[in-house]
C-alpha atoms as a PDB file:
ATOM      1  CA  UNK A   1     -73.951  46.368 149.261  1.00  0.00           C
ATOM      2  CA  UNK A   2     -75.720  43.452 150.936  1.00  0.00           C
ATOM      3  CA  UNK A   3     -77.585  40.853 148.951  1.00  0.00           C
ATOM      4  CA  UNK A   4     -80.931  42.011 150.338  1.00  0.00           C
ATOM      5  CA  UNK A   5     -80.097  45.653 149.503  1.00  0.00           C
ATOM      6  CA  UNK A   6     -79.234  44.565 145.989  1.00  0.00           C
ATOM      7  CA  UNK A   7     -82.745  43.123 145.688  1.00  0.00           C
ATOM      8  CA  UNK A   8     -84.156  46.658 145.921  1.00  0.00           C
ATOM      9  CA  UNK A   9     -81.435  48.329 143.851  1.00  0.00           C
ATOM     10  CA  UNK A  10     -80.910  45.968 140.892  1.00  0.00           C
ATOM     11  CA  UNK A  11     -83.304  43.034 140.691  1.00  0.00           C
ATOM     12  CA  UNK A  12     -81.675  41.395 137.663  1.00  0.00           C
ATOM     13  CA  UNK A  13     -78.252  41.503 139.262  1.00  0.00           C
ATOM     14  CA  UNK A  14     -79.815  40.127 142.454  1.00  0.00           C
ATOM     15  CA  UNK A  15     -81.313  37.181 140.546  1.00  0.00           C
ATOM     16  CA  UNK A  16     -78.002  36.498 138.784  1.00  0.00           C
ATOM     17  CA  UNK A  17     -76.096  36.609 142.058  1.00  0.00           C
ATOM     18  CA  UNK A  18     -78.514  34.340 143.918  1.00  0.00           C
ATOM     19  CA  UNK A  19     -78.665  31.921 141.016  1.00  0.00           C
ATOM     20  CA  UNK A  20     -74.879  31.702 141.009  1.00  0.00           C
ATOM     21  CA  UNK A  21     -74.856  31.173 144.766  1.00  0.00           C
ATOM     22  CA  UNK A  22     -77.361  28.343 144.389  1.00  0.00           C
ATOM     23  CA  UNK A  23     -75.299  26.725 141.629  1.00  0.00           C
ATOM     24  CA  UNK A  24     -72.147  26.852 143.751  1.00  0.00           C
ATOM     25  CA  UNK A  25     -74.115  25.784 146.838  1.00  0.00           C
ATOM     26  CA  UNK A  26     -73.067  28.911 148.677  1.00  0.00           C
ATOM     27  CA  UNK A  27     -76.206  28.819 150.823  1.00  0.00           C
ATOM     28  CA  UNK A  28     -74.890  31.102 153.557  1.00  0.00           C
ATOM     29  CA  UNK A  29     -74.848  34.054 151.145  1.00  0.00           C
ATOM     30  CA  UNK A  30     -78.388  33.601 149.803  1.00  0.00           C
ATOM     31  CA  UNK A  31     -81.027  36.266 150.388  1.00  0.00           C
ATOM     32  CA  UNK A  32     -83.492  33.745 151.827  1.00  0.00           C
ATOM     33  CA  UNK A  33     -86.300  36.159 152.743  1.00  0.00           C
ATOM     34  CA  UNK A  34     -86.517  37.682 149.277  1.00  0.00           C
ATOM     35  CA  UNK A  35     -86.094  34.277 147.605  1.00  0.00           C
ATOM     36  CA  UNK A  36     -89.095  33.005 149.573  1.00  0.00           C
ATOM     37  CA  UNK A  37     -91.130  36.025 148.485  1.00  0.00           C
ATOM     38  CA  UNK A  38     -90.154  35.602 144.833  1.00  0.00           C
ATOM     39  CA  UNK A  39     -91.019  31.907 144.794  1.00  0.00           C
ATOM     40  CA  UNK A  40     -94.396  32.626 146.403  1.00  0.00           C
ATOM     41  CA  UNK A  41     -95.003  35.347 143.822  1.00  0.00           C
ATOM     42  CA  UNK A  42     -94.422  32.884 140.979  1.00  0.00           C
ATOM     43  CA  UNK A  43     -97.322  30.755 142.184  1.00  0.00           C
ATOM     44  CA  UNK A  44     -99.594  33.758 142.625  1.00  0.00           C
ATOM     45  CA  UNK A  45     -98.770  34.945 139.112  1.00  0.00           C
ATOM     46  CA  UNK A  46     -99.849  31.641 137.569  1.00  0.00           C
ATOM     47  CA  UNK A  47    -103.067  31.727 139.588  1.00  0.00           C
ATOM     48  CA  UNK A  48    -103.798  35.262 138.359  1.00  0.00           C
ATOM     49  CA  UNK A  49    -103.144  34.136 134.788  1.00  0.00           C
ATOM     50  CA  UNK A  50    -105.642  31.298 135.214  1.00  0.00           C
ATOM     51  CA  UNK A  51    -108.296  33.709 136.490  1.00  0.00           C
ATOM     52  CA  UNK A  52    -107.597  36.304 133.833  1.00  0.00           C
ATOM     53  CA  UNK A  53    -107.645  33.741 131.035  1.00  0.00           C
ATOM     54  CA  UNK A  54    -110.904  32.237 132.293  1.00  0.00           C
ATOM     55  CA  UNK A  55    -112.561  35.644 132.406  1.00  0.00           C
ATOM     56  CA  UNK A  56    -111.521  36.500 128.841  1.00  0.00           C
ATOM     57  CA  UNK A  57    -112.545  33.033 127.642  1.00  0.00           C
ATOM     58  CA  UNK A  58    -115.956  33.268 129.289  1.00  0.00           C
ATOM     59  CA  UNK A  59    -116.538  36.779 127.985  1.00  0.00           C
ATOM     60  CA  UNK A  60    -115.885  35.754 124.409  1.00  0.00           C
ATOM     61  CA  UNK A  61    -117.855  32.520 124.743  1.00  0.00           C
ATOM     62  CA  UNK A  62    -120.820  34.548 125.974  1.00  0.00           C
ATOM     63  CA  UNK A  63    -120.504  36.924 123.049  1.00  0.00           C
ATOM     64  CA  UNK A  64    -120.166  34.096 120.565  1.00  0.00           C
ATOM     65  CA  UNK A  65    -123.096  32.135 121.954  1.00  0.00           C
ATOM     66  CA  UNK A  66    -125.543  34.932 122.756  1.00  0.00           C
ATOM     67  CA  UNK A  67    -124.715  37.984 120.622  1.00  0.00           C
ATOM     68  CA  UNK A  68    -125.951  37.926 117.047  1.00  0.00           C
ATOM     69  CA  UNK A  69    -123.084  39.712 115.305  1.00  0.00           C
ATOM     70  CA  UNK A  70    -121.722  37.472 112.583  1.00  0.00           C
ATOM     71  CA  UNK A  71    -118.956  39.899 111.499  1.00  0.00           C
ATOM     72  CA  UNK A  72    -117.473  39.569 115.001  1.00  0.00           C
ATOM     73  CA  UNK A  73    -117.589  35.766 115.258  1.00  0.00           C
ATOM     74  CA  UNK A  74    -114.164  35.155 113.769  1.00  0.00           C
ATOM     75  CA  UNK A  75    -112.423  37.541 116.171  1.00  0.00           C
ATOM     76  CA  UNK A  76    -114.259  36.101 119.161  1.00  0.00           C
ATOM     77  CA  UNK A  77    -113.424  32.549 118.079  1.00  0.00           C
ATOM     78  CA  UNK A  78    -109.777  33.479 117.675  1.00  0.00           C
ATOM     79  CA  UNK A  79    -109.686  34.882 121.208  1.00  0.00           C
ATOM     80  CA  UNK A  80    -111.494  31.781 122.531  1.00  0.00           C
ATOM     81  CA  UNK A  81    -108.897  29.511 120.935  1.00  0.00           C
ATOM     82  CA  UNK A  82    -105.978  31.624 122.184  1.00  0.00           C
ATOM     83  CA  UNK A  83    -107.278  31.673 125.761  1.00  0.00           C
ATOM     84  CA  UNK A  84    -107.906  27.929 125.728  1.00  0.00           C
ATOM     85  CA  UNK A  85    -104.369  27.377 124.509  1.00  0.00           C
ATOM     86  CA  UNK A  86    -102.853  29.643 127.173  1.00  0.00           C
ATOM     87  CA  UNK A  87    -104.865  28.125 130.024  1.00  0.00           C
ATOM     88  CA  UNK A  88    -104.121  24.586 128.883  1.00  0.00           C
ATOM     89  CA  UNK A  89    -100.432  25.436 128.614  1.00  0.00           C
ATOM     90  CA  UNK A  90    -100.424  26.715 132.201  1.00  0.00           C
ATOM     91  CA  UNK A  91    -102.210  23.552 133.343  1.00  0.00           C
ATOM     92  CA  UNK A  92     -99.772  21.302 131.492  1.00  0.00           C
ATOM     93  CA  UNK A  93     -96.809  23.095 133.050  1.00  0.00           C
ATOM     94  CA  UNK A  94     -98.391  23.088 136.519  1.00  0.00           C
ATOM     95  CA  UNK A  95    -101.048  20.364 136.830  1.00  0.00           C
ATOM     96  CA  UNK A  96    -101.560  21.346 140.482  1.00  0.00           C
ATOM     97  CA  UNK A  97    -103.403  24.442 139.165  1.00  0.00           C
ATOM     98  CA  UNK A  98    -106.341  22.288 138.009  1.00  0.00           C
ATOM     99  CA  UNK A  99    -108.011  22.198 141.473  1.00  0.00           C
ATOM    100  CA  UNK A 100    -107.430  25.949 141.744  1.00  0.00           C
ATOM    101  CA  UNK A 101    -109.125  26.480 138.379  1.00  0.00           C
ATOM    102  CA  UNK A 102    -112.090  24.425 139.589  1.00  0.00           C
ATOM    103  CA  UNK A 103    -112.295  26.414 142.834  1.00  0.00           C
ATOM    104  CA  UNK A 104    -112.416  29.851 141.143  1.00  0.00           C
ATOM    105  CA  UNK A 105    -114.316  28.837 138.028  1.00  0.00           C
ATOM    106  CA  UNK A 106    -117.801  30.031 139.033  1.00  0.00           C
ATOM    107  CA  UNK A 107    -116.485  33.216 140.663  1.00  0.00           C
ATOM    108  CA  UNK A 108    -114.708  34.143 137.442  1.00  0.00           C
ATOM    109  CA  UNK A 109    -118.061  34.353 135.665  1.00  0.00           C
ATOM    110  CA  UNK A 110    -119.218  37.527 137.421  1.00  0.00           C
ATOM    111  CA  UNK A 111    -116.877  39.906 135.633  1.00  0.00           C
ATOM    112  CA  UNK A 112    -117.458  38.640 132.048  1.00  0.00           C
ATOM    113  CA  UNK A 113    -121.202  38.715 132.723  1.00  0.00           C
ATOM    114  CA  UNK A 114    -120.918  42.320 133.896  1.00  0.00           C
ATOM    115  CA  UNK A 115    -118.886  43.310 130.814  1.00  0.00           C
ATOM    116  CA  UNK A 116    -121.118  41.690 128.198  1.00  0.00           C
ATOM    117  CA  UNK A 117    -124.318  42.841 129.922  1.00  0.00           C
ATOM    118  CA  UNK A 118    -123.036  46.405 129.816  1.00  0.00           C
ATOM    119  CA  UNK A 119    -121.776  46.142 126.216  1.00  0.00           C
ATOM    120  CA  UNK A 120    -124.902  44.376 124.921  1.00  0.00           C
ATOM    121  CA  UNK A 121    -127.793  45.562 127.110  1.00  0.00           C
ATOM    122  CA  UNK A 122    -130.473  44.214 124.777  1.00  0.00           C
ATOM    123  CA  UNK A 123    -129.078  40.676 124.959  1.00  0.00           C
ATOM    124  CA  UNK A 124    -130.225  38.351 127.722  1.00  0.00           C
ATOM    125  CA  UNK A 125    -127.289  36.489 129.273  1.00  0.00           C
ATOM    126  CA  UNK A 126    -127.592  33.712 131.862  1.00  0.00           C
ATOM    127  CA  UNK A 127    -127.105  34.998 135.390  1.00  0.00           C
ATOM    128  CA  UNK A 128    -125.651  31.682 136.529  1.00  0.00           C
ATOM    129  CA  UNK A 129    -122.512  30.390 134.890  1.00  0.00           C
ATOM    130  CA  UNK A 130    -123.529  28.164 131.976  1.00  0.00           C
ATOM    131  CA  UNK A 131    -120.011  26.778 131.591  1.00  0.00           C
ATOM    132  CA  UNK A 132    -118.018  24.003 133.141  1.00  0.00           C
ATOM    133  CA  UNK A 133    -114.292  23.497 132.993  1.00  0.00           C
ATOM    134  CA  UNK A 134    -114.744  21.432 129.849  1.00  0.00           C
ATOM    135  CA  UNK A 135    -114.853  24.756 127.962  1.00  0.00           C
ATOM    136  CA  UNK A 136    -111.079  24.327 127.814  1.00  0.00           C
ATOM    137  CA  UNK A 137    -111.368  21.483 125.304  1.00  0.00           C
ATOM    138  CA  UNK A 138    -114.573  22.128 123.379  1.00  0.00           C
ATOM    139  CA  UNK A 139    -114.831  23.362 119.819  1.00  0.00           C
END
């Protein structure tokens, strides 16, 4: 079975094999096309995690700041702290994601606004994003 066929048949074995070939510098046997795709996917995954984390963070910040439901505050604050931690961890591991975060920041607001507006129709939420990227380090 060829290396590229192995990619579709047994991904873990494919990664082990290609890792071993890299370690032994056996570059002629590498599955270059699929390696390129996998490396590109890693970057896209981190970008998706940034967007997802921002959306959850914004949603819970909106709830905490605008919804009067004291019994829920602790849970919302816990989620806020967890999302901040996860986003900051991603940024510390890949500082080049910071400009990406800045570029998608405002766009990420639409979905949390939609969710909280639907869940709390009697609450008035700001239509424009009231947050800046400093929400990652605020209490």
